[in-house]
C-alpha atoms as a PDB file:
ATOM      1  CA  UNK A   1     116.344  96.459 -11.322  1.00  0.00           C
ATOM      2  CA  UNK A   2     117.934  98.556 -14.042  1.00  0.00           C
ATOM      3  CA  UNK A   3     118.786  96.805 -17.291  1.00  0.00           C
ATOM      4  CA  UNK A   4     122.112  98.662 -17.297  1.00  0.00           C
ATOM      5  CA  UNK A   5     123.164  97.712 -13.756  1.00  0.00           C
ATOM      6  CA  UNK A   6     122.672  93.977 -13.429  1.00  0.00           C
ATOM      7  CA  UNK A   7     125.400  92.436 -11.242  1.00  0.00           C
ATOM      8  CA  UNK A   8     127.398  89.443 -12.404  1.00  0.00           C
ATOM      9  CA  UNK A   9     125.270  86.291 -12.488  1.00  0.00           C
ATOM     10  CA  UNK A  10     126.292  83.181 -10.601  1.00  0.00           C
ATOM     11  CA  UNK A  11     125.522  80.653 -13.341  1.00  0.00           C
ATOM     12  CA  UNK A  12     125.895  80.444 -17.093  1.00  0.00           C
ATOM     13  CA  UNK A  13     122.972  78.724 -18.761  1.00  0.00           C
ATOM     14  CA  UNK A  14     123.450  76.756 -21.968  1.00  0.00           C
ATOM     15  CA  UNK A  15     120.061  76.083 -23.519  1.00  0.00           C
ATOM     16  CA  UNK A  16     119.480  73.674 -26.405  1.00  0.00           C
ATOM     17  CA  UNK A  17     116.317  74.276 -28.402  1.00  0.00           C
ATOM     18  CA  UNK A  18     115.768  70.924 -29.997  1.00  0.00           C
ATOM     19  CA  UNK A  19     113.230  68.466 -31.270  1.00  0.00           C
ATOM     20  CA  UNK A  20     113.205  65.675 -33.809  1.00  0.00           C
ATOM     21  CA  UNK A  21     110.828  67.505 -36.166  1.00  0.00           C
ATOM     22  CA  UNK A  22     111.169  70.434 -38.522  1.00  0.00           C
ATOM     23  CA  UNK A  23     108.932  73.454 -38.881  1.00  0.00           C
ATOM     24  CA  UNK A  24     108.167  73.897 -35.187  1.00  0.00           C
ATOM     25  CA  UNK A  25     109.706  77.349 -34.849  1.00  0.00           C
ATOM     26  CA  UNK A  26     113.043  76.554 -33.178  1.00  0.00           C
ATOM     27  CA  UNK A  27     114.817  79.528 -34.756  1.00  0.00           C
ATOM     28  CA  UNK A  28     111.881  81.842 -34.041  1.00  0.00           C
ATOM     29  CA  UNK A  29     112.122  80.843 -30.390  1.00  0.00           C
ATOM     30  CA  UNK A  30     115.929  81.045 -30.290  1.00  0.00           C
ATOM     31  CA  UNK A  31     116.158  84.536 -31.736  1.00  0.00           C
ATOM     32  CA  UNK A  32     113.211  86.049 -29.898  1.00  0.00           C
ATOM     33  CA  UNK A  33     114.133  84.500 -26.549  1.00  0.00           C
ATOM     34  CA  UNK A  34     117.713  85.634 -27.064  1.00  0.00           C
ATOM     35  CA  UNK A  35     116.572  89.166 -27.754  1.00  0.00           C
ATOM     36  CA  UNK A  36     114.177  89.226 -24.803  1.00  0.00           C
ATOM     37  CA  UNK A  37     116.973  88.170 -22.438  1.00  0.00           C
ATOM     38  CA  UNK A  38     119.387  90.678 -23.986  1.00  0.00           C
ATOM     39  CA  UNK A  39     116.949  93.517 -23.358  1.00  0.00           C
ATOM     40  CA  UNK A  40     116.931  92.537 -19.671  1.00  0.00           C
ATOM     41  CA  UNK A  41     120.664  93.151 -19.512  1.00  0.00           C
ATOM     42  CA  UNK A  42     121.912  89.585 -19.921  1.00  0.00           C
ATOM     43  CA  UNK A  43     124.760  88.844 -22.304  1.00  0.00           C
ATOM     44  CA  UNK A  44     123.501  86.307 -24.853  1.00  0.00           C
ATOM     45  CA  UNK A  45     125.089  84.242 -27.621  1.00  0.00           C
ATOM     46  CA  UNK A  46     123.105  82.123 -30.075  1.00  0.00           C
ATOM     47  CA  UNK A  47     124.952  79.274 -31.790  1.00  0.00           C
ATOM     48  CA  UNK A  48     123.290  78.188 -35.021  1.00  0.00           C
ATOM     49  CA  UNK A  49     124.011  74.456 -35.294  1.00  0.00           C
ATOM     50  CA  UNK A  50     121.738  73.953 -38.301  1.00  0.00           C
ATOM     51  CA  UNK A  51     123.344  73.537 -41.755  1.00  0.00           C
ATOM     52  CA  UNK A  52     120.289  75.334 -43.179  1.00  0.00           C
ATOM     53  CA  UNK A  53     121.395  78.434 -41.252  1.00  0.00           C
ATOM     54  CA  UNK A  54     117.980  79.977 -40.702  1.00  0.00           C
ATOM     55  CA  UNK A  55     119.398  82.548 -38.284  1.00  0.00           C
ATOM     56  CA  UNK A  56     121.230  84.133 -41.210  1.00  0.00           C
ATOM     57  CA  UNK A  57     117.799  85.083 -42.570  1.00  0.00           C
ATOM     58  CA  UNK A  58     116.354  86.179 -39.220  1.00  0.00           C
ATOM     59  CA  UNK A  59     119.307  88.452 -38.455  1.00  0.00           C
ATOM     60  CA  UNK A  60     120.197  89.567 -41.989  1.00  0.00           C
ATOM     61  CA  UNK A  61     123.638  87.953 -41.978  1.00  0.00           C
ATOM     62  CA  UNK A  62     125.905  86.852 -44.813  1.00  0.00           C
ATOM     63  CA  UNK A  63     124.320  83.785 -46.416  1.00  0.00           C
ATOM     64  CA  UNK A  64     127.686  82.426 -47.584  1.00  0.00           C
ATOM     65  CA  UNK A  65     130.154  82.806 -44.728  1.00  0.00           C
ATOM     66  CA  UNK A  66     133.490  81.023 -44.791  1.00  0.00           C
ATOM     67  CA  UNK A  67     133.607  77.882 -42.594  1.00  0.00           C
ATOM     68  CA  UNK A  68     135.930  79.636 -40.134  1.00  0.00           C
ATOM     69  CA  UNK A  69     133.184  82.258 -39.678  1.00  0.00           C
ATOM     70  CA  UNK A  70     130.608  79.659 -38.583  1.00  0.00           C
ATOM     71  CA  UNK A  71     129.918  77.208 -35.789  1.00  0.00           C
ATOM     72  CA  UNK A  72     131.691  74.553 -37.873  1.00  0.00           C
ATOM     73  CA  UNK A  73     134.985  76.192 -36.842  1.00  0.00           C
ATOM     74  CA  UNK A  74     134.266  75.515 -33.150  1.00  0.00           C
ATOM     75  CA  UNK A  75     134.332  71.764 -33.848  1.00  0.00           C
ATOM     76  CA  UNK A  76     137.726  71.948 -35.556  1.00  0.00           C
ATOM     77  CA  UNK A  77     140.799  70.464 -33.876  1.00  0.00           C
ATOM     78  CA  UNK A  78     142.497  73.768 -34.775  1.00  0.00           C
ATOM     79  CA  UNK A  79     139.953  75.859 -32.860  1.00  0.00           C
ATOM     80  CA  UNK A  80     141.879  78.392 -30.768  1.00  0.00           C
ATOM     81  CA  UNK A  81     139.092  79.996 -28.750  1.00  0.00           C
ATOM     82  CA  UNK A  82     138.380  82.719 -31.274  1.00  0.00           C
ATOM     83  CA  UNK A  83     134.609  82.357 -31.471  1.00  0.00           C
ATOM     84  CA  UNK A  84     133.221  83.894 -34.681  1.00  0.00           C
ATOM     85  CA  UNK A  85     130.486  85.803 -32.862  1.00  0.00           C
ATOM     86  CA  UNK A  86     128.707  88.647 -34.641  1.00  0.00           C
ATOM     87  CA  UNK A  87     126.732  91.347 -32.779  1.00  0.00           C
ATOM     88  CA  UNK A  88     123.179  91.521 -34.114  1.00  0.00           C
ATOM     89  CA  UNK A  89     120.301  93.983 -33.819  1.00  0.00           C
ATOM     90  CA  UNK A  90     122.770  96.524 -32.461  1.00  0.00           C
ATOM     91  CA  UNK A  91     120.320  99.393 -32.969  1.00  0.00           C
ATOM     92  CA  UNK A  92     118.241  97.857 -30.177  1.00  0.00           C
ATOM     93  CA  UNK A  93     120.651  95.975 -27.900  1.00  0.00           C
ATOM     94  CA  UNK A  94     124.387  95.623 -27.305  1.00  0.00           C
ATOM     95  CA  UNK A  95     124.059  92.276 -25.538  1.00  0.00           C
ATOM     96  CA  UNK A  96     123.224  89.809 -28.309  1.00  0.00           C
ATOM     97  CA  UNK A  97     125.665  87.921 -30.549  1.00  0.00           C
ATOM     98  CA  UNK A  98     125.247  85.123 -33.068  1.00  0.00           C
ATOM     99  CA  UNK A  99     127.556  82.389 -34.317  1.00  0.00           C
ATOM    100  CA  UNK A 100     126.361  81.583 -37.817  1.00  0.00           C
ATOM    101  CA  UNK A 101     125.422  78.195 -39.194  1.00  0.00           C
ATOM    102  CA  UNK A 102     126.164  77.065 -42.735  1.00  0.00           C
ATOM    103  CA  UNK A 103     126.347  73.970 -44.894  1.00  0.00           C
ATOM    104  CA  UNK A 104     129.938  73.605 -43.628  1.00  0.00           C
ATOM    105  CA  UNK A 105     128.311  71.832 -40.676  1.00  0.00           C
ATOM    106  CA  UNK A 106     127.608  68.863 -42.940  1.00  0.00           C
ATOM    107  CA  UNK A 107     131.361  68.228 -43.030  1.00  0.00           C
ATOM    108  CA  UNK A 108     131.457  68.149 -39.235  1.00  0.00           C
ATOM    109  CA  UNK A 109     129.205  65.099 -39.025  1.00  0.00           C
ATOM    110  CA  UNK A 110     131.902  62.549 -40.094  1.00  0.00           C
ATOM    111  CA  UNK A 111     134.318  64.224 -37.676  1.00  0.00           C
ATOM    112  CA  UNK A 112     131.897  63.757 -34.786  1.00  0.00           C
ATOM    113  CA  UNK A 113     131.545  60.050 -35.571  1.00  0.00           C
ATOM    114  CA  UNK A 114     135.283  59.527 -36.093  1.00  0.00           C
ATOM    115  CA  UNK A 115     136.666  61.563 -33.187  1.00  0.00           C
ATOM    116  CA  UNK A 116     137.240  59.739 -29.897  1.00  0.00           C
ATOM    117  CA  UNK A 117     135.410  62.580 -28.133  1.00  0.00           C
ATOM    118  CA  UNK A 118     133.159  63.530 -30.999  1.00  0.00           C
ATOM    119  CA  UNK A 119     130.028  63.972 -28.913  1.00  0.00           C
ATOM    120  CA  UNK A 120     131.937  66.233 -26.510  1.00  0.00           C
ATOM    121  CA  UNK A 121     133.703  68.490 -29.019  1.00  0.00           C
ATOM    122  CA  UNK A 122     131.395  71.442 -28.424  1.00  0.00           C
ATOM    123  CA  UNK A 123     131.399  70.935 -24.653  1.00  0.00           C
ATOM    124  CA  UNK A 124     135.183  70.539 -24.512  1.00  0.00           C
ATOM    125  CA  UNK A 125     135.869  73.716 -26.447  1.00  0.00           C
ATOM    126  CA  UNK A 126     133.376  75.743 -24.431  1.00  0.00           C
ATOM    127  CA  UNK A 127     135.132  74.560 -21.274  1.00  0.00           C
ATOM    128  CA  UNK A 128     138.640  75.021 -22.651  1.00  0.00           C
ATOM    129  CA  UNK A 129     137.798  78.482 -23.983  1.00  0.00           C
ATOM    130  CA  UNK A 130     134.971  79.749 -21.752  1.00  0.00           C
ATOM    131  CA  UNK A 131     132.697  82.565 -22.810  1.00  0.00           C
ATOM    132  CA  UNK A 132     131.521  85.195 -20.352  1.00  0.00           C
ATOM    133  CA  UNK A 133     127.952  85.161 -21.673  1.00  0.00           C
ATOM    134  CA  UNK A 134     125.117  84.614 -19.217  1.00  0.00           C
ATOM    135  CA  UNK A 135     123.065  82.625 -21.725  1.00  0.00           C
ATOM    136  CA  UNK A 136     124.191  80.491 -24.663  1.00  0.00           C
ATOM    137  CA  UNK A 137     121.410  79.182 -26.899  1.00  0.00           C
ATOM    138  CA  UNK A 138     121.996  76.261 -29.250  1.00  0.00           C
ATOM    139  CA  UNK A 139     119.576  76.384 -32.191  1.00  0.00           C
ATOM    140  CA  UNK A 140     119.642  72.721 -33.234  1.00  0.00           C
ATOM    141  CA  UNK A 141     118.705  71.118 -36.575  1.00  0.00           C
ATOM    142  CA  UNK A 142     115.557  69.028 -36.973  1.00  0.00           C
ATOM    143  CA  UNK A 143     117.202  65.746 -36.042  1.00  0.00           C
ATOM    144  CA  UNK A 144     118.411  64.162 -32.837  1.00  0.00           C
ATOM    145  CA  UNK A 145     121.893  63.127 -33.973  1.00  0.00           C
ATOM    146  CA  UNK A 146     124.775  63.731 -34.279  1.00  0.00           C
ATOM    147  CA  UNK A 147     125.086  67.545 -34.002  1.00  0.00           C
ATOM    148  CA  UNK A 148     122.223  67.898 -31.498  1.00  0.00           C
ATOM    149  CA  UNK A 149     123.920  65.214 -29.411  1.00  0.00           C
ATOM    150  CA  UNK A 150     126.957  67.504 -29.078  1.00  0.00           C
ATOM    151  CA  UNK A 151     124.596  70.278 -28.000  1.00  0.00           C
ATOM    152  CA  UNK A 152     123.043  67.970 -25.408  1.00  0.00           C
ATOM    153  CA  UNK A 153     126.481  67.208 -23.980  1.00  0.00           C
ATOM    154  CA  UNK A 154     127.280  70.931 -23.798  1.00  0.00           C
ATOM    155  CA  UNK A 155     123.929  72.035 -22.369  1.00  0.00           C
ATOM    156  CA  UNK A 156     122.676  72.705 -18.895  1.00  0.00           C
ATOM    157  CA  UNK A 157     119.050  72.819 -20.050  1.00  0.00           C
ATOM    158  CA  UNK A 158     116.838  71.788 -22.967  1.00  0.00           C
ATOM    159  CA  UNK A 159     113.688  73.427 -24.354  1.00  0.00           C
ATOM    160  CA  UNK A 160     111.514  71.303 -26.645  1.00  0.00           C
ATOM    161  CA  UNK A 161     109.086  73.074 -29.014  1.00  0.00           C
ATOM    162  CA  UNK A 162     106.183  70.965 -30.249  1.00  0.00           C
ATOM    163  CA  UNK A 163     103.608  71.297 -32.962  1.00  0.00           C
ATOM    164  CA  UNK A 164      99.958  70.913 -31.900  1.00  0.00           C
ATOM    165  CA  UNK A 165      99.413  67.454 -33.413  1.00  0.00           C
ATOM    166  CA  UNK A 166      98.144  64.117 -32.042  1.00  0.00           C
ATOM    167  CA  UNK A 167     101.489  62.445 -32.764  1.00  0.00           C
ATOM    168  CA  UNK A 168     103.206  64.708 -30.242  1.00  0.00           C
ATOM    169  CA  UNK A 169     101.930  62.675 -27.316  1.00  0.00           C
ATOM    170  CA  UNK A 170     103.858  59.638 -28.502  1.00  0.00           C
ATOM    171  CA  UNK A 171     106.671  61.876 -29.722  1.00  0.00           C
ATOM    172  CA  UNK A 172     107.158  63.203 -26.210  1.00  0.00           C
ATOM    173  CA  UNK A 173     107.534  59.671 -24.877  1.00  0.00           C
ATOM    174  CA  UNK A 174     110.091  58.818 -27.568  1.00  0.00           C
ATOM    175  CA  UNK A 175     112.015  62.051 -26.987  1.00  0.00           C
ATOM    176  CA  UNK A 176     112.153  61.370 -23.260  1.00  0.00           C
ATOM    177  CA  UNK A 177     113.490  57.865 -23.934  1.00  0.00           C
ATOM    178  CA  UNK A 178     116.131  59.290 -26.304  1.00  0.00           C
ATOM    179  CA  UNK A 179     117.081  61.958 -23.777  1.00  0.00           C
ATOM    180  CA  UNK A 180     117.493  59.486 -20.916  1.00  0.00           C
ATOM    181  CA  UNK A 181     119.419  57.036 -23.102  1.00  0.00           C
ATOM    182  CA  UNK A 182     121.864  59.677 -24.335  1.00  0.00           C
ATOM    183  CA  UNK A 183     122.432  61.113 -20.868  1.00  0.00           C
ATOM    184  CA  UNK A 184     123.401  57.615 -19.701  1.00  0.00           C
ATOM    185  CA  UNK A 185     125.452  56.857 -22.820  1.00  0.00           C
ATOM    186  CA  UNK A 186     127.391  60.114 -22.587  1.00  0.00           C
ATOM    187  CA  UNK A 187     127.658  59.814 -18.796  1.00  0.00           C
ATOM    188  CA  UNK A 188     126.590  63.416 -18.375  1.00  0.00           C
ATOM    189  CA  UNK A 189     126.950  64.558 -14.806  1.00  0.00           C
ATOM    190  CA  UNK A 190     125.250  66.702 -13.902  1.00  0.00           C
ATOM    191  CA  UNK A 191     122.590  65.806 -16.415  1.00  0.00           C
ATOM    192  CA  UNK A 192     121.015  68.592 -18.473  1.00  0.00           C
ATOM    193  CA  UNK A 193     117.541  69.463 -17.271  1.00  0.00           C
ATOM    194  CA  UNK A 194     114.504  69.644 -19.506  1.00  0.00           C
ATOM    195  CA  UNK A 195     113.376  73.218 -18.971  1.00  0.00           C
ATOM    196  CA  UNK A 196     110.048  72.317 -20.495  1.00  0.00           C
ATOM    197  CA  UNK A 197     107.967  71.620 -23.560  1.00  0.00           C
ATOM    198  CA  UNK A 198     106.092  74.345 -25.405  1.00  0.00           C
ATOM    199  CA  UNK A 199     103.420  74.036 -28.064  1.00  0.00           C
ATOM    200  CA  UNK A 200     104.574  76.478 -30.711  1.00  0.00           C
ATOM    201  CA  UNK A 201     102.546  77.614 -33.702  1.00  0.00           C
ATOM    202  CA  UNK A 202      99.085  77.158 -32.205  1.00  0.00           C
ATOM    203  CA  UNK A 203      96.399  78.036 -34.751  1.00  0.00           C
ATOM    204  CA  UNK A 204      92.896  79.200 -33.967  1.00  0.00           C
ATOM    205  CA  UNK A 205      91.472  75.879 -35.089  1.00  0.00           C
ATOM    206  CA  UNK A 206      89.203  73.726 -32.936  1.00  0.00           C
ATOM    207  CA  UNK A 207      91.539  70.720 -33.288  1.00  0.00           C
ATOM    208  CA  UNK A 208      94.580  72.777 -32.314  1.00  0.00           C
ATOM    209  CA  UNK A 209      92.780  74.286 -29.334  1.00  0.00           C
ATOM    210  CA  UNK A 210      91.626  70.828 -28.209  1.00  0.00           C
ATOM    211  CA  UNK A 211      95.155  69.422 -28.425  1.00  0.00           C
ATOM    212  CA  UNK A 212      96.595  72.457 -26.637  1.00  0.00           C
ATOM    213  CA  UNK A 213      94.280  71.587 -23.740  1.00  0.00           C
ATOM    214  CA  UNK A 214      94.865  67.815 -23.798  1.00  0.00           C
ATOM    215  CA  UNK A 215      98.608  67.510 -24.389  1.00  0.00           C
ATOM    216  CA  UNK A 216     100.066  69.502 -21.445  1.00  0.00           C
ATOM    217  CA  UNK A 217      98.517  67.252 -18.753  1.00  0.00           C
ATOM    218  CA  UNK A 218     100.040  64.253 -20.529  1.00  0.00           C
ATOM    219  CA  UNK A 219     103.501  65.841 -20.357  1.00  0.00           C
ATOM    220  CA  UNK A 220     103.046  66.858 -16.748  1.00  0.00           C
ATOM    221  CA  UNK A 221     101.987  63.346 -15.720  1.00  0.00           C
ATOM    222  CA  UNK A 222     105.380  62.237 -17.030  1.00  0.00           C
ATOM    223  CA  UNK A 223     107.083  64.821 -14.873  1.00  0.00           C
ATOM    224  CA  UNK A 224     107.713  67.465 -17.550  1.00  0.00           C
ATOM    225  CA  UNK A 225     106.839  71.126 -17.305  1.00  0.00           C
ATOM    226  CA  UNK A 226     104.755  72.472 -20.167  1.00  0.00           C
ATOM    227  CA  UNK A 227     104.784  76.198 -20.895  1.00  0.00           C
ATOM    228  CA  UNK A 228     101.637  77.956 -22.101  1.00  0.00           C
ATOM    229  CA  UNK A 229     101.299  77.625 -25.886  1.00  0.00           C
ATOM    230  CA  UNK A 230     102.563  80.231 -28.324  1.00  0.00           C
ATOM    231  CA  UNK A 231     100.209  81.061 -31.158  1.00  0.00           C
ATOM    232  CA  UNK A 232     101.129  81.045 -34.813  1.00  0.00           C
ATOM    233  CA  UNK A 233     101.082  84.762 -35.540  1.00  0.00           C
ATOM    234  CA  UNK A 234     101.739  86.250 -38.954  1.00  0.00           C
ATOM    235  CA  UNK A 235     103.670  88.991 -37.162  1.00  0.00           C
ATOM    236  CA  UNK A 236     106.440  86.533 -36.268  1.00  0.00           C
ATOM    237  CA  UNK A 237     106.903  85.997 -40.012  1.00  0.00           C
ATOM    238  CA  UNK A 238     106.595  89.702 -40.746  1.00  0.00           C
ATOM    239  CA  UNK A 239     109.225  90.506 -38.119  1.00  0.00           C
ATOM    240  CA  UNK A 240     111.536  87.946 -39.716  1.00  0.00           C
ATOM    241  CA  UNK A 241     110.909  89.562 -43.103  1.00  0.00           C
ATOM    242  CA  UNK A 242     112.050  92.858 -41.628  1.00  0.00           C
ATOM    243  CA  UNK A 243     115.052  91.182 -40.008  1.00  0.00           C
ATOM    244  CA  UNK A 244     114.068  92.226 -36.472  1.00  0.00           C
ATOM    245  CA  UNK A 245     112.675  90.495 -33.356  1.00  0.00           C
ATOM    246  CA  UNK A 246     108.958  90.608 -32.701  1.00  0.00           C
ATOM    247  CA  UNK A 247     109.328  93.104 -29.838  1.00  0.00           C
ATOM    248  CA  UNK A 248     110.931  95.605 -32.222  1.00  0.00           C
ATOM    249  CA  UNK A 249     108.403  94.932 -34.973  1.00  0.00           C
ATOM    250  CA  UNK A 250     105.337  95.070 -32.702  1.00  0.00           C
ATOM    251  CA  UNK A 251     106.252  95.911 -29.063  1.00  0.00           C
ATOM    252  CA  UNK A 252     102.743  95.308 -27.716  1.00  0.00           C
ATOM    253  CA  UNK A 253     101.960  92.221 -29.753  1.00  0.00           C
ATOM    254  CA  UNK A 254     100.476  89.302 -27.754  1.00  0.00           C
ATOM    255  CA  UNK A 255     103.242  87.029 -29.041  1.00  0.00           C
ATOM    256  CA  UNK A 256     105.743  89.025 -26.977  1.00  0.00           C
ATOM    257  CA  UNK A 257     103.678  88.350 -23.861  1.00  0.00           C
ATOM    258  CA  UNK A 258     103.436  84.637 -24.670  1.00  0.00           C
ATOM    259  CA  UNK A 259     107.242  84.369 -24.637  1.00  0.00           C
ATOM    260  CA  UNK A 260     107.479  85.731 -21.094  1.00  0.00           C
ATOM    261  CA  UNK A 261     106.891  82.508 -19.088  1.00  0.00           C
ATOM    262  CA  UNK A 262     109.955  80.989 -20.796  1.00  0.00           C
ATOM    263  CA  UNK A 263     111.928  84.204 -20.329  1.00  0.00           C
ATOM    264  CA  UNK A 264     111.053  84.199 -16.640  1.00  0.00           C
ATOM    265  CA  UNK A 265     112.057  80.545 -16.245  1.00  0.00           C
ATOM    266  CA  UNK A 266     115.440  81.267 -17.848  1.00  0.00           C
ATOM    267  CA  UNK A 267     115.929  84.358 -15.702  1.00  0.00           C
ATOM    268  CA  UNK A 268     115.119  82.388 -12.543  1.00  0.00           C
ATOM    269  CA  UNK A 269     117.853  79.868 -13.346  1.00  0.00           C
ATOM    270  CA  UNK A 270     120.564  82.331 -14.342  1.00  0.00           C
ATOM    271  CA  UNK A 271     119.848  84.581 -11.370  1.00  0.00           C
ATOM    272  CA  UNK A 272     120.422  88.299 -11.024  1.00  0.00           C
END
């Protein structure tokens, strides 16, 4: 089907990319998955919920935006539906926008705790002021609360990147317990679905290869889907240094192919 002629989809997908650890490539996944979906004709928005604002580097955006120009504004009681979305990589796609993160998000944390519907602020505003995007990606910080909890409440699906390390087996169990507990606590109905786990940053080391073989069956025995691992390629870093997605930097790079099972899973859910 032509990229230019996709009919209106029947379902908006809101995907949180989250884990309790840092350095597992959440922003790399968010930006590259967003771009891959945009090239297929889907309208995509990425919300950077991380105060460190890594997407500003990936997409060559202003490193010091005003709070009203960031995702912090969406949590404000004065939010009027004017999402501060910025088109990115416009030389290559017209379908991808980003809402910047910034350290202004630190000031949102007390608001979330104090507000009677703090955990639902993001969800409420997205429902009160709906976007027409097919896919919204929440790039979450390396913690499970409180900002990622608002993303969980607003999400339809969750993708969990993992590092290839022995601790991840136990970490998966703890994440699943946190996920189930928060779904019950927030009374989310329907509950967000875990799209899957993905080992991200796999090195060509014997220990990494061994873990990449041993960990997925452990996830699957617990009822979770595990995507094929994504290698740690220097070209992901080089593409970031250029301020472009991997497909633009190296169209035929194997890393682009390794993203496709997740792209296909997202496409299957959104529909065409």
